[in-house]
PDB file of N, CA and C in Angstrom:
ATOM      1  N   UNK A   1       9.503 -20.703  24.358  1.00  0.00           N
ATOM      2  CA  UNK A   1       8.107 -20.760  24.360  1.00  0.00           C
ATOM      3  C   UNK A   1       7.418 -19.423  24.064  1.00  0.00           C
ATOM      4  N   UNK A   2       8.027 -18.345  24.711  1.00  0.00           N
ATOM      5  CA  UNK A   2       7.515 -16.973  24.499  1.00  0.00           C
ATOM      6  C   UNK A   2       7.537 -16.632  23.000  1.00  0.00           C
ATOM      7  N   UNK A   3       8.559 -16.992  22.367  1.00  0.00           N
ATOM      8  CA  UNK A   3       8.815 -16.568  20.888  1.00  0.00           C
ATOM      9  C   UNK A   3       7.724 -17.364  20.109  1.00  0.00           C
ATOM     10  N   UNK A   4       7.488 -18.568  20.500  1.00  0.00           N
ATOM     11  CA  UNK A   4       6.457 -19.428  19.737  1.00  0.00           C
ATOM     12  C   UNK A   4       5.106 -18.727  19.885  1.00  0.00           C
ATOM     13  N   UNK A   5       4.717 -18.410  21.127  1.00  0.00           N
ATOM     14  CA  UNK A   5       3.429 -17.786  21.345  1.00  0.00           C
ATOM     15  C   UNK A   5       3.313 -16.435  20.615  1.00  0.00           C
ATOM     16  N   UNK A   6       4.379 -15.711  20.627  1.00  0.00           N
ATOM     17  CA  UNK A   6       4.390 -14.385  19.984  1.00  0.00           C
ATOM     18  C   UNK A   6       4.178 -14.610  18.423  1.00  0.00           C
ATOM     19  N   UNK A   7       4.971 -15.436  17.820  1.00  0.00           N
ATOM     20  CA  UNK A   7       4.854 -15.725  16.460  1.00  0.00           C
ATOM     21  C   UNK A   7       3.465 -16.286  16.086  1.00  0.00           C
ATOM     22  N   UNK A   8       2.914 -17.124  16.910  1.00  0.00           N
ATOM     23  CA  UNK A   8       1.628 -17.676  16.608  1.00  0.00           C
ATOM     24  C   UNK A   8       0.577 -16.562  16.713  1.00  0.00           C
ATOM     25  N   UNK A   9       0.667 -15.725  17.653  1.00  0.00           N
ATOM     26  CA  UNK A   9      -0.239 -14.711  17.766  1.00  0.00           C
ATOM     27  C   UNK A   9      -0.211 -13.682  16.603  1.00  0.00           C
ATOM     28  N   UNK A  10       1.027 -13.333  16.119  1.00  0.00           N
ATOM     29  CA  UNK A  10       1.159 -12.536  15.002  1.00  0.00           C
ATOM     30  C   UNK A  10       0.561 -13.127  13.719  1.00  0.00           C
ATOM     31  N   UNK A  11       0.887 -14.453  13.578  1.00  0.00           N
ATOM     32  CA  UNK A  11       0.318 -15.132  12.413  1.00  0.00           C
ATOM     33  C   UNK A  11      -1.175 -15.168  12.346  1.00  0.00           C
ATOM     34  N   UNK A  12      -1.751 -15.468  13.462  1.00  0.00           N
ATOM     35  CA  UNK A  12      -3.211 -15.420  13.615  1.00  0.00           C
ATOM     36  C   UNK A  12      -3.837 -14.067  13.305  1.00  0.00           C
ATOM     37  N   UNK A  13      -3.239 -13.012  13.861  1.00  0.00           N
ATOM     38  CA  UNK A  13      -3.691 -11.639  13.677  1.00  0.00           C
ATOM     39  C   UNK A  13      -3.616 -11.264  12.196  1.00  0.00           C
ATOM     40  N   UNK A  14      -2.561 -11.782  11.460  1.00  0.00           N
ATOM     41  CA  UNK A  14      -2.423 -11.449  10.066  1.00  0.00           C
ATOM     42  C   UNK A  14      -3.504 -12.222   9.268  1.00  0.00           C
ATOM     43  N   UNK A  15      -3.766 -13.429   9.651  1.00  0.00           N
ATOM     44  CA  UNK A  15      -4.793 -14.169   8.960  1.00  0.00           C
ATOM     45  C   UNK A  15      -6.175 -13.571   9.053  1.00  0.00           C
ATOM     46  N   UNK A  16      -6.466 -13.010  10.172  1.00  0.00           N
ATOM     47  CA  UNK A  16      -7.719 -12.396  10.362  1.00  0.00           C
ATOM     48  C   UNK A  16      -7.860 -10.951  10.048  1.00  0.00           C
ATOM     49  N   UNK A  17      -6.728 -10.343   9.671  1.00  0.00           N
ATOM     50  CA  UNK A  17      -6.661  -8.960   9.252  1.00  0.00           C
ATOM     51  C   UNK A  17      -7.316  -8.835   7.877  1.00  0.00           C
ATOM     52  N   UNK A  18      -7.939  -7.723   7.651  1.00  0.00           N
ATOM     53  CA  UNK A  18      -8.513  -7.572   6.318  1.00  0.00           C
ATOM     54  C   UNK A  18      -8.114  -6.294   5.649  1.00  0.00           C
ATOM     55  N   UNK A  19      -7.026  -5.728   6.138  1.00  0.00           N
ATOM     56  CA  UNK A  19      -6.458  -4.532   5.616  1.00  0.00           C
ATOM     57  C   UNK A  19      -4.956  -4.758   5.303  1.00  0.00           C
ATOM     58  N   UNK A  20      -4.500  -3.962   4.318  1.00  0.00           N
ATOM     59  CA  UNK A  20      -3.110  -4.036   3.958  1.00  0.00           C
ATOM     60  C   UNK A  20      -2.235  -3.456   5.068  1.00  0.00           C
ATOM     61  N   UNK A  21      -1.208  -4.169   5.550  1.00  0.00           N
ATOM     62  CA  UNK A  21      -0.319  -3.720   6.595  1.00  0.00           C
ATOM     63  C   UNK A  21       0.564  -2.650   6.058  1.00  0.00           C
ATOM     64  N   UNK A  22       0.937  -1.671   6.970  1.00  0.00           N
ATOM     65  CA  UNK A  22       1.845  -0.642   6.480  1.00  0.00           C
ATOM     66  C   UNK A  22       3.241  -1.172   6.340  1.00  0.00           C
ATOM     67  N   UNK A  23       3.997  -0.572   5.404  1.00  0.00           N
ATOM     68  CA  UNK A  23       5.373  -0.903   5.115  1.00  0.00           C
ATOM     69  C   UNK A  23       6.130   0.350   5.438  1.00  0.00           C
ATOM     70  N   UNK A  24       7.286   0.188   6.116  1.00  0.00           N
ATOM     71  CA  UNK A  24       8.103   1.397   6.437  1.00  0.00           C
ATOM     72  C   UNK A  24       8.481   2.152   5.181  1.00  0.00           C
ATOM     73  N   UNK A  25       8.449   3.426   5.245  1.00  0.00           N
ATOM     74  CA  UNK A  25       8.862   4.306   4.108  1.00  0.00           C
ATOM     75  C   UNK A  25      10.183   3.845   3.524  1.00  0.00           C
ATOM     76  N   UNK A  26      11.226   3.599   4.330  1.00  0.00           N
ATOM     77  CA  UNK A  26      12.527   3.312   3.893  1.00  0.00           C
ATOM     78  C   UNK A  26      12.537   2.027   3.023  1.00  0.00           C
ATOM     79  N   UNK A  27      11.750   1.112   3.345  1.00  0.00           N
ATOM     80  CA  UNK A  27      11.576  -0.112   2.650  1.00  0.00           C
ATOM     81  C   UNK A  27      10.886   0.057   1.233  1.00  0.00           C
ATOM     82  N   UNK A  28       9.851   0.863   1.256  1.00  0.00           N
ATOM     83  CA  UNK A  28       9.126   1.168   0.098  1.00  0.00           C
ATOM     84  C   UNK A  28       9.936   1.805  -0.940  1.00  0.00           C
ATOM     85  N   UNK A  29      10.750   2.761  -0.548  1.00  0.00           N
ATOM     86  CA  UNK A  29      11.592   3.489  -1.487  1.00  0.00           C
ATOM     87  C   UNK A  29      12.562   2.557  -2.166  1.00  0.00           C
ATOM     88  N   UNK A  30      13.050   1.602  -1.481  1.00  0.00           N
ATOM     89  CA  UNK A  30      13.934   0.608  -2.058  1.00  0.00           C
ATOM     90  C   UNK A  30      13.351  -0.224  -3.093  1.00  0.00           C
ATOM     91  N   UNK A  31      12.032  -0.432  -3.118  1.00  0.00           N
ATOM     92  CA  UNK A  31      11.289  -1.269  -4.071  1.00  0.00           C
ATOM     93  C   UNK A  31      10.903  -0.514  -5.360  1.00  0.00           C
ATOM     94  N   UNK A  32      11.071   0.828  -5.325  1.00  0.00           N
ATOM     95  CA  UNK A  32      10.815   1.595  -6.555  1.00  0.00           C
ATOM     96  C   UNK A  32      12.040   1.411  -7.511  1.00  0.00           C
ATOM     97  N   UNK A  33      11.762   1.262  -8.791  1.00  0.00           N
ATOM     98  CA  UNK A  33      12.835   1.074  -9.815  1.00  0.00           C
ATOM     99  C   UNK A  33      13.560  -0.159  -9.756  1.00  0.00           C
ATOM    100  N   UNK A  34      12.956  -1.292  -9.335  1.00  0.00           N
ATOM    101  CA  UNK A  34      13.511  -2.587  -9.264  1.00  0.00           C
ATOM    102  C   UNK A  34      13.055  -3.502 -10.433  1.00  0.00           C
ATOM    103  N   UNK A  35      12.549  -2.819 -11.554  1.00  0.00           N
ATOM    104  CA  UNK A  35      12.219  -3.587 -12.704  1.00  0.00           C
ATOM    105  C   UNK A  35      10.724  -3.958 -12.787  1.00  0.00           C
ATOM    106  N   UNK A  36       9.973  -3.609 -11.801  1.00  0.00           N
ATOM    107  CA  UNK A  36       8.530  -3.943 -11.767  1.00  0.00           C
ATOM    108  C   UNK A  36       7.738  -2.615 -11.407  1.00  0.00           C
ATOM    109  N   UNK A  37       6.527  -2.431 -12.012  1.00  0.00           N
ATOM    110  CA  UNK A  37       5.732  -1.324 -11.595  1.00  0.00           C
ATOM    111  C   UNK A  37       5.284  -1.377 -10.169  1.00  0.00           C
ATOM    112  N   UNK A  38       5.145  -0.261  -9.487  1.00  0.00           N
ATOM    113  CA  UNK A  38       4.831  -0.218  -8.106  1.00  0.00           C
ATOM    114  C   UNK A  38       3.627   0.670  -7.900  1.00  0.00           C
ATOM    115  N   UNK A  39       2.748   0.321  -6.896  1.00  0.00           N
ATOM    116  CA  UNK A  39       1.781   1.260  -6.493  1.00  0.00           C
ATOM    117  C   UNK A  39       1.954   1.493  -4.955  1.00  0.00           C
ATOM    118  N   UNK A  40       1.906   2.765  -4.622  1.00  0.00           N
ATOM    119  CA  UNK A  40       1.999   3.129  -3.206  1.00  0.00           C
ATOM    120  C   UNK A  40       0.735   3.798  -2.714  1.00  0.00           C
ATOM    121  N   UNK A  41       0.145   3.247  -1.746  1.00  0.00           N
ATOM    122  CA  UNK A  41      -1.011   3.876  -1.127  1.00  0.00           C
ATOM    123  C   UNK A  41      -0.535   4.658   0.099  1.00  0.00           C
ATOM    124  N   UNK A  42      -0.703   5.959   0.116  1.00  0.00           N
ATOM    125  CA  UNK A  42      -0.292   6.823   1.162  1.00  0.00           C
ATOM    126  C   UNK A  42      -1.478   7.238   1.965  1.00  0.00           C
ATOM    127  N   UNK A  43      -1.568   6.968   3.212  1.00  0.00           N
ATOM    128  CA  UNK A  43      -2.718   7.279   4.022  1.00  0.00           C
ATOM    129  C   UNK A  43      -2.420   7.093   5.481  1.00  0.00           C
ATOM    130  N   UNK A  44      -3.514   6.822   6.229  1.00  0.00           N
ATOM    131  CA  UNK A  44      -3.425   6.679   7.655  1.00  0.00           C
ATOM    132  C   UNK A  44      -4.411   5.613   8.120  1.00  0.00           C
ATOM    133  N   UNK A  45      -4.111   4.908   9.100  1.00  0.00           N
ATOM    134  CA  UNK A  45      -4.989   3.874   9.703  1.00  0.00           C
ATOM    135  C   UNK A  45      -6.223   4.515  10.410  1.00  0.00           C
ATOM    136  N   UNK A  46      -6.091   5.902  10.701  1.00  0.00           N
ATOM    137  CA  UNK A  46      -7.200   6.546  11.239  1.00  0.00           C
ATOM    138  C   UNK A  46      -8.129   7.277  10.365  1.00  0.00           C
ATOM    139  N   UNK A  47      -7.874   7.082   9.060  1.00  0.00           N
ATOM    140  CA  UNK A  47      -8.766   7.683   8.048  1.00  0.00           C
ATOM    141  C   UNK A  47      -9.626   6.675   7.481  1.00  0.00           C
ATOM    142  N   UNK A  48     -10.966   6.926   7.497  1.00  0.00           N
ATOM    143  CA  UNK A  48     -11.946   5.925   7.050  1.00  0.00           C
ATOM    144  C   UNK A  48     -11.717   5.586   5.580  1.00  0.00           C
ATOM    145  N   UNK A  49     -11.547   6.521   4.657  1.00  0.00           N
ATOM    146  CA  UNK A  49     -11.336   6.233   3.258  1.00  0.00           C
ATOM    147  C   UNK A  49     -10.097   5.419   3.073  1.00  0.00           C
ATOM    148  N   UNK A  50      -9.048   5.658   3.830  1.00  0.00           N
ATOM    149  CA  UNK A  50      -7.814   4.943   3.783  1.00  0.00           C
ATOM    150  C   UNK A  50      -8.066   3.459   4.220  1.00  0.00           C
ATOM    151  N   UNK A  51      -8.824   3.295   5.217  1.00  0.00           N
ATOM    152  CA  UNK A  51      -9.165   1.929   5.725  1.00  0.00           C
ATOM    153  C   UNK A  51      -9.900   1.136   4.610  1.00  0.00           C
ATOM    154  N   UNK A  52     -10.801   1.763   3.939  1.00  0.00           N
ATOM    155  CA  UNK A  52     -11.596   1.146   2.838  1.00  0.00           C
ATOM    156  C   UNK A  52     -10.629   0.820   1.728  1.00  0.00           C
ATOM    157  N   UNK A  53      -9.725   1.682   1.383  1.00  0.00           N
ATOM    158  CA  UNK A  53      -8.736   1.355   0.363  1.00  0.00           C
ATOM    159  C   UNK A  53      -7.813   0.244   0.807  1.00  0.00           C
ATOM    160  N   UNK A  54      -7.455   0.181   2.091  1.00  0.00           N
ATOM    161  CA  UNK A  54      -6.674  -0.846   2.604  1.00  0.00           C
ATOM    162  C   UNK A  54      -7.311  -2.260   2.444  1.00  0.00           C
ATOM    163  N   UNK A  55      -8.639  -2.328   2.606  1.00  0.00           N
ATOM    164  CA  UNK A  55      -9.309  -3.597   2.401  1.00  0.00           C
ATOM    165  C   UNK A  55      -9.315  -4.024   0.985  1.00  0.00           C
ATOM    166  N   UNK A  56      -9.496  -3.057   0.038  1.00  0.00           N
ATOM    167  CA  UNK A  56      -9.466  -3.407  -1.373  1.00  0.00           C
ATOM    168  C   UNK A  56      -8.097  -3.880  -1.805  1.00  0.00           C
ATOM    169  N   UNK A  57      -7.057  -3.174  -1.310  1.00  0.00           N
ATOM    170  CA  UNK A  57      -5.709  -3.561  -1.637  1.00  0.00           C
ATOM    171  C   UNK A  57      -5.284  -4.932  -1.010  1.00  0.00           C
ATOM    172  N   UNK A  58      -5.793  -5.108   0.205  1.00  0.00           N
ATOM    173  CA  UNK A  58      -5.527  -6.428   0.868  1.00  0.00           C
ATOM    174  C   UNK A  58      -6.145  -7.559   0.021  1.00  0.00           C
ATOM    175  N   UNK A  59      -7.328  -7.384  -0.525  1.00  0.00           N
ATOM    176  CA  UNK A  59      -7.981  -8.424  -1.330  1.00  0.00           C
ATOM    177  C   UNK A  59      -7.224  -8.584  -2.593  1.00  0.00           C
ATOM    178  N   UNK A  60      -6.682  -7.554  -3.194  1.00  0.00           N
ATOM    179  CA  UNK A  60      -5.870  -7.629  -4.340  1.00  0.00           C
ATOM    180  C   UNK A  60      -4.615  -8.466  -4.131  1.00  0.00           C
ATOM    181  N   UNK A  61      -3.961  -8.182  -3.001  1.00  0.00           N
ATOM    182  CA  UNK A  61      -2.777  -8.897  -2.727  1.00  0.00           C
ATOM    183  C   UNK A  61      -3.039 -10.374  -2.452  1.00  0.00           C
ATOM    184  N   UNK A  62      -4.132 -10.702  -1.850  1.00  0.00           N
ATOM    185  CA  UNK A  62      -4.517 -12.158  -1.747  1.00  0.00           C
ATOM    186  C   UNK A  62      -4.680 -12.827  -3.055  1.00  0.00           C
ATOM    187  N   UNK A  63      -5.285 -12.048  -4.037  1.00  0.00           N
ATOM    188  CA  UNK A  63      -5.544 -12.687  -5.363  1.00  0.00           C
ATOM    189  C   UNK A  63      -4.232 -12.714  -6.185  1.00  0.00           C
ATOM    190  N   UNK A  64      -3.379 -11.702  -6.092  1.00  0.00           N
ATOM    191  CA  UNK A  64      -2.152 -11.561  -6.869  1.00  0.00           C
ATOM    192  C   UNK A  64      -1.004 -11.173  -5.966  1.00  0.00           C
ATOM    193  N   UNK A  65      -0.420 -12.093  -5.185  1.00  0.00           N
ATOM    194  CA  UNK A  65       0.554 -11.773  -4.243  1.00  0.00           C
ATOM    195  C   UNK A  65       1.861 -11.200  -4.827  1.00  0.00           C
ATOM    196  N   UNK A  66       2.023 -11.413  -6.134  1.00  0.00           N
ATOM    197  CA  UNK A  66       3.240 -10.887  -6.813  1.00  0.00           C
ATOM    198  C   UNK A  66       3.147  -9.423  -7.040  1.00  0.00           C
ATOM    199  N   UNK A  67       1.975  -8.823  -6.881  1.00  0.00           N
ATOM    200  CA  UNK A  67       1.747  -7.393  -7.066  1.00  0.00           C
ATOM    201  C   UNK A  67       2.645  -6.569  -6.183  1.00  0.00           C
ATOM    202  N   UNK A  68       3.273  -5.488  -6.675  1.00  0.00           N
ATOM    203  CA  UNK A  68       3.985  -4.620  -5.898  1.00  0.00           C
ATOM    204  C   UNK A  68       3.109  -3.492  -5.457  1.00  0.00           C
ATOM    205  N   UNK A  69       2.388  -3.731  -4.301  1.00  0.00           N
ATOM    206  CA  UNK A  69       1.516  -2.686  -3.724  1.00  0.00           C
ATOM    207  C   UNK A  69       1.917  -2.517  -2.306  1.00  0.00           C
ATOM    208  N   UNK A  70       2.080  -1.300  -1.911  1.00  0.00           N
ATOM    209  CA  UNK A  70       2.497  -0.984  -0.559  1.00  0.00           C
ATOM    210  C   UNK A  70       1.655   0.162   0.123  1.00  0.00           C
ATOM    211  N   UNK A  71       1.511   0.104   1.404  1.00  0.00           N
ATOM    212  CA  UNK A  71       0.798   1.113   2.099  1.00  0.00           C
ATOM    213  C   UNK A  71       1.798   1.773   3.071  1.00  0.00           C
ATOM    214  N   UNK A  72       1.877   3.023   3.022  1.00  0.00           N
ATOM    215  CA  UNK A  72       2.730   3.884   3.920  1.00  0.00           C
ATOM    216  C   UNK A  72       1.810   4.636   4.740  1.00  0.00           C
ATOM    217  N   UNK A  73       1.900   4.464   6.115  1.00  0.00           N
ATOM    218  CA  UNK A  73       1.050   5.099   7.102  1.00  0.00           C
ATOM    219  C   UNK A  73       1.692   6.436   7.524  1.00  0.00           C
ATOM    220  N   UNK A  74       1.236   7.535   7.050  1.00  0.00           N
ATOM    221  CA  UNK A  74       1.848   8.809   7.431  1.00  0.00           C
ATOM    222  C   UNK A  74       1.498   9.247   8.827  1.00  0.00           C
ATOM    223  N   UNK A  75       0.572   8.519   9.440  1.00  0.00           N
ATOM    224  CA  UNK A  75       0.279   8.780  10.811  1.00  0.00           C
ATOM    225  C   UNK A  75       1.503   8.365  11.673  1.00  0.00           C
ATOM    226  N   UNK A  76       2.235   7.346  11.191  1.00  0.00           N
ATOM    227  CA  UNK A  76       3.401   6.861  11.910  1.00  0.00           C
ATOM    228  C   UNK A  76       4.704   7.461  11.328  1.00  0.00           C
ATOM    229  N   UNK A  77       4.612   7.804  10.020  1.00  0.00           N
ATOM    230  CA  UNK A  77       5.905   8.291   9.397  1.00  0.00           C
ATOM    231  C   UNK A  77       5.534   9.608   8.627  1.00  0.00           C
ATOM    232  N   UNK A  78       5.542  10.652   9.268  1.00  0.00           N
ATOM    233  CA  UNK A  78       5.139  11.943   8.658  1.00  0.00           C
ATOM    234  C   UNK A  78       6.153  12.420   7.637  1.00  0.00           C
ATOM    235  N   UNK A  79       7.390  12.024   7.699  1.00  0.00           N
ATOM    236  CA  UNK A  79       8.310  12.474   6.661  1.00  0.00           C
ATOM    237  C   UNK A  79       8.018  11.807   5.319  1.00  0.00           C
ATOM    238  N   UNK A  80       7.253  10.753   5.314  1.00  0.00           N
ATOM    239  CA  UNK A  80       6.864  10.126   4.081  1.00  0.00           C
ATOM    240  C   UNK A  80       5.908  11.042   3.336  1.00  0.00           C
ATOM    241  N   UNK A  81       4.993  11.679   3.940  1.00  0.00           N
ATOM    242  CA  UNK A  81       4.073  12.609   3.279  1.00  0.00           C
ATOM    243  C   UNK A  81       4.799  13.755   2.568  1.00  0.00           C
ATOM    244  N   UNK A  82       5.815  14.272   3.158  1.00  0.00           N
ATOM    245  CA  UNK A  82       6.611  15.285   2.603  1.00  0.00           C
ATOM    246  C   UNK A  82       7.335  14.765   1.365  1.00  0.00           C
ATOM    247  N   UNK A  83       8.018  13.606   1.594  1.00  0.00           N
ATOM    248  CA  UNK A  83       8.828  13.062   0.552  1.00  0.00           C
ATOM    249  C   UNK A  83       8.015  12.675  -0.668  1.00  0.00           C
ATOM    250  N   UNK A  84       6.826  12.141  -0.432  1.00  0.00           N
ATOM    251  CA  UNK A  84       5.880  11.760  -1.634  1.00  0.00           C
ATOM    252  C   UNK A  84       5.096  12.977  -2.125  1.00  0.00           C
ATOM    253  N   UNK A  85       5.249  14.130  -1.446  1.00  0.00           N
ATOM    254  CA  UNK A  85       4.472  15.347  -1.817  1.00  0.00           C
ATOM    255  C   UNK A  85       3.038  15.090  -1.742  1.00  0.00           C
ATOM    256  N   UNK A  86       2.522  14.535  -0.677  1.00  0.00           N
ATOM    257  CA  UNK A  86       1.114  14.164  -0.491  1.00  0.00           C
ATOM    258  C   UNK A  86       0.447  15.341   0.227  1.00  0.00           C
ATOM    259  N   UNK A  87      -0.635  15.847  -0.383  1.00  0.00           N
ATOM    260  CA  UNK A  87      -1.444  16.903   0.211  1.00  0.00           C
ATOM    261  C   UNK A  87      -2.672  16.452   0.883  1.00  0.00           C
ATOM    262  N   UNK A  88      -3.230  15.375   0.421  1.00  0.00           N
ATOM    263  CA  UNK A  88      -4.475  14.740   0.900  1.00  0.00           C
ATOM    264  C   UNK A  88      -4.346  13.220   0.946  1.00  0.00           C
ATOM    265  N   UNK A  89      -5.115  12.661   1.856  1.00  0.00           N
ATOM    266  CA  UNK A  89      -5.073  11.180   1.918  1.00  0.00           C
ATOM    267  C   UNK A  89      -6.513  10.675   1.756  1.00  0.00           C
ATOM    268  N   UNK A  90      -6.591   9.454   1.220  1.00  0.00           N
ATOM    269  CA  UNK A  90      -5.579   8.674   0.632  1.00  0.00           C
ATOM    270  C   UNK A  90      -5.111   9.118  -0.696  1.00  0.00           C
ATOM    271  N   UNK A  91      -3.870   8.871  -1.038  1.00  0.00           N
ATOM    272  CA  UNK A  91      -3.260   9.162  -2.337  1.00  0.00           C
ATOM    273  C   UNK A  91      -2.625   7.899  -2.811  1.00  0.00           C
ATOM    274  N   UNK A  92      -2.847   7.566  -4.074  1.00  0.00           N
ATOM    275  CA  UNK A  92      -2.212   6.439  -4.698  1.00  0.00           C
ATOM    276  C   UNK A  92      -1.209   6.927  -5.717  1.00  0.00           C
ATOM    277  N   UNK A  93       0.015   6.482  -5.645  1.00  0.00           N
ATOM    278  CA  UNK A  93       1.037   6.897  -6.545  1.00  0.00           C
ATOM    279  C   UNK A  93       1.521   5.618  -7.325  1.00  0.00           C
ATOM    280  N   UNK A  94       1.576   5.777  -8.621  1.00  0.00           N
ATOM    281  CA  UNK A  94       1.978   4.656  -9.523  1.00  0.00           C
ATOM    282  C   UNK A  94       3.323   5.023 -10.118  1.00  0.00           C
ATOM    283  N   UNK A  95       4.252   4.033 -10.077  1.00  0.00           N
ATOM    284  CA  UNK A  95       5.605   4.140 -10.600  1.00  0.00           C
ATOM    285  C   UNK A  95       5.735   3.127 -11.684  1.00  0.00           C
ATOM    286  N   UNK A  96       6.471   3.434 -12.764  1.00  0.00           N
ATOM    287  CA  UNK A  96       6.731   2.458 -13.790  1.00  0.00           C
ATOM    288  C   UNK A  96       7.997   1.584 -13.377  1.00  0.00           C
ATOM    289  N   UNK A  97       8.332   0.565 -14.154  1.00  0.00           N
ATOM    290  CA  UNK A  97       9.436  -0.297 -13.766  1.00  0.00           C
ATOM    291  C   UNK A  97      10.812   0.381 -13.559  1.00  0.00           C
ATOM    292  N   UNK A  98      10.959   1.570 -14.148  1.00  0.00           N
ATOM    293  CA  UNK A  98      12.206   2.299 -14.072  1.00  0.00           C
ATOM    294  C   UNK A  98      12.187   3.335 -12.874  1.00  0.00           C
ATOM    295  N   UNK A  99      11.088   3.380 -12.192  1.00  0.00           N
ATOM    296  CA  UNK A  99      10.934   4.221 -10.964  1.00  0.00           C
ATOM    297  C   UNK A  99      10.469   5.574 -11.276  1.00  0.00           C
ATOM    298  N   UNK A 100       9.907   5.854 -12.428  1.00  0.00           N
ATOM    299  CA  UNK A 100       9.353   7.195 -12.812  1.00  0.00           C
ATOM    300  C   UNK A 100       7.874   7.145 -12.340  1.00  0.00           C
ATOM    301  N   UNK A 101       7.448   8.310 -11.641  1.00  0.00           N
ATOM    302  CA  UNK A 101       6.056   8.385 -11.222  1.00  0.00           C
ATOM    303  C   UNK A 101       5.227   8.666 -12.598  1.00  0.00           C
ATOM    304  N   UNK A 102       4.276   7.864 -12.785  1.00  0.00           N
ATOM    305  CA  UNK A 102       3.475   7.924 -14.068  1.00  0.00           C
ATOM    306  C   UNK A 102       2.073   8.436 -13.832  1.00  0.00           C
ATOM    307  N   UNK A 103       1.563   8.288 -12.560  1.00  0.00           N
ATOM    308  CA  UNK A 103       0.202   8.747 -12.336  1.00  0.00           C
ATOM    309  C   UNK A 103       0.028   8.810 -10.803  1.00  0.00           C
ATOM    310  N   UNK A 104      -0.891   9.703 -10.473  1.00  0.00           N
ATOM    311  CA  UNK A 104      -1.262   9.967  -9.030  1.00  0.00           C
ATOM    312  C   UNK A 104      -2.707  10.114  -8.961  1.00  0.00           C
ATOM    313  N   UNK A 105      -3.314   9.449  -7.977  1.00  0.00           N
ATOM    314  CA  UNK A 105      -4.809   9.677  -7.755  1.00  0.00           C
ATOM    315  C   UNK A 105      -5.007  10.037  -6.258  1.00  0.00           C
ATOM    316  N   UNK A 106      -5.852  10.955  -6.081  1.00  0.00           N
ATOM    317  CA  UNK A 106      -6.137  11.456  -4.712  1.00  0.00           C
ATOM    318  C   UNK A 106      -7.606  11.021  -4.417  1.00  0.00           C
ATOM    319  N   UNK A 107      -7.806  10.348  -3.242  1.00  0.00           N
ATOM    320  CA  UNK A 107      -9.095   9.922  -2.778  1.00  0.00           C
ATOM    321  C   UNK A 107      -9.261   8.404  -2.947  1.00  0.00           C
ATOM    322  N   UNK A 108     -10.420   7.955  -2.426  1.00  0.00           N
ATOM    323  CA  UNK A 108     -10.690   6.547  -2.427  1.00  0.00           C
ATOM    324  C   UNK A 108     -11.155   6.109  -3.831  1.00  0.00           C
ATOM    325  N   UNK A 109     -11.111   4.869  -4.147  1.00  0.00           N
ATOM    326  CA  UNK A 109     -11.513   4.332  -5.412  1.00  0.00           C
ATOM    327  C   UNK A 109     -12.474   3.184  -5.121  1.00  0.00           C
ATOM    328  N   UNK A 110     -13.349   2.887  -6.089  1.00  0.00           N
ATOM    329  CA  UNK A 110     -14.141   1.647  -6.026  1.00  0.00           C
ATOM    330  C   UNK A 110     -13.227   0.468  -6.413  1.00  0.00           C
ATOM    331  N   UNK A 111     -13.738  -0.752  -6.146  1.00  0.00           N
ATOM    332  CA  UNK A 111     -12.908  -1.904  -6.578  1.00  0.00           C
ATOM    333  C   UNK A 111     -12.679  -1.898  -8.057  1.00  0.00           C
ATOM    334  N   UNK A 112     -13.649  -1.500  -8.817  1.00  0.00           N
ATOM    335  CA  UNK A 112     -13.564  -1.473 -10.307  1.00  0.00           C
ATOM    336  C   UNK A 112     -12.475  -0.442 -10.766  1.00  0.00           C
ATOM    337  N   UNK A 113     -12.559   0.716 -10.141  1.00  0.00           N
ATOM    338  CA  UNK A 113     -11.577   1.803 -10.468  1.00  0.00           C
ATOM    339  C   UNK A 113     -10.193   1.352 -10.133  1.00  0.00           C
ATOM    340  N   UNK A 114     -10.004   0.708  -9.004  1.00  0.00           N
ATOM    341  CA  UNK A 114      -8.687   0.240  -8.553  1.00  0.00           C
ATOM    342  C   UNK A 114      -8.174  -0.826  -9.576  1.00  0.00           C
ATOM    343  N   UNK A 115      -8.999  -1.752  -9.900  1.00  0.00           N
ATOM    344  CA  UNK A 115      -8.522  -2.767 -10.872  1.00  0.00           C
ATOM    345  C   UNK A 115      -8.162  -2.147 -12.227  1.00  0.00           C
ATOM    346  N   UNK A 116      -8.889  -1.188 -12.687  1.00  0.00           N
ATOM    347  CA  UNK A 116      -8.595  -0.506 -13.968  1.00  0.00           C
ATOM    348  C   UNK A 116      -7.218   0.230 -13.818  1.00  0.00           C
ATOM    349  N   UNK A 117      -6.899   0.898 -12.751  1.00  0.00           N
ATOM    350  CA  UNK A 117      -5.656   1.564 -12.549  1.00  0.00           C
ATOM    351  C   UNK A 117      -4.558   0.504 -12.466  1.00  0.00           C
ATOM    352  N   UNK A 118      -4.739  -0.475 -11.732  1.00  0.00           N
ATOM    353  CA  UNK A 118      -3.667  -1.484 -11.627  1.00  0.00           C
ATOM    354  C   UNK A 118      -3.419  -2.190 -12.920  1.00  0.00           C
ATOM    355  N   UNK A 119      -4.446  -2.531 -13.724  1.00  0.00           N
ATOM    356  CA  UNK A 119      -4.345  -3.102 -14.997  1.00  0.00           C
ATOM    357  C   UNK A 119      -3.567  -2.132 -15.944  1.00  0.00           C
ATOM    358  N   UNK A 120      -3.988  -0.868 -15.976  1.00  0.00           N
ATOM    359  CA  UNK A 120      -3.394   0.165 -16.820  1.00  0.00           C
ATOM    360  C   UNK A 120      -1.857   0.267 -16.563  1.00  0.00           C
ATOM    361  N   UNK A 121      -1.424   0.089 -15.274  1.00  0.00           N
ATOM    362  CA  UNK A 121      -0.019   0.252 -14.974  1.00  0.00           C
ATOM    363  C   UNK A 121       0.664  -1.113 -14.813  1.00  0.00           C
ATOM    364  N   UNK A 122       0.079  -2.164 -15.222  1.00  0.00           N
ATOM    365  CA  UNK A 122       0.760  -3.453 -15.188  1.00  0.00           C
ATOM    366  C   UNK A 122       1.074  -4.003 -13.812  1.00  0.00           C
ATOM    367  N   UNK A 123       0.269  -3.697 -12.857  1.00  0.00           N
ATOM    368  CA  UNK A 123       0.508  -4.147 -11.494  1.00  0.00           C
ATOM    369  C   UNK A 123      -0.412  -5.252 -11.215  1.00  0.00           C
TER     370      UNK A 123
END
């Protein structure tokens, strides 16, 4: 019964969430170079601009769930900031299908800018 209530509560919170959930750094790294372009949003849940980007990315995932878009919360995983060489947040990093970093953007984007970046990189 407890497991059922826990799963139900988590499902409901996901449905009413309007931000992209963070993915552990170790899992994100495994998704790079798997034959599809990837976008990684590096930020923190405590950063207002990161929260706004999280909402835009969440909307994008709802529209195109096949998109490889991940959020890494450096507030929880500080080593990720060093590994991704992030100096300011939010930072968006784009990788091609072979895992090569092809572009990096620092700061928040508008919905239109985000769509243009995602289209440009085939995400």
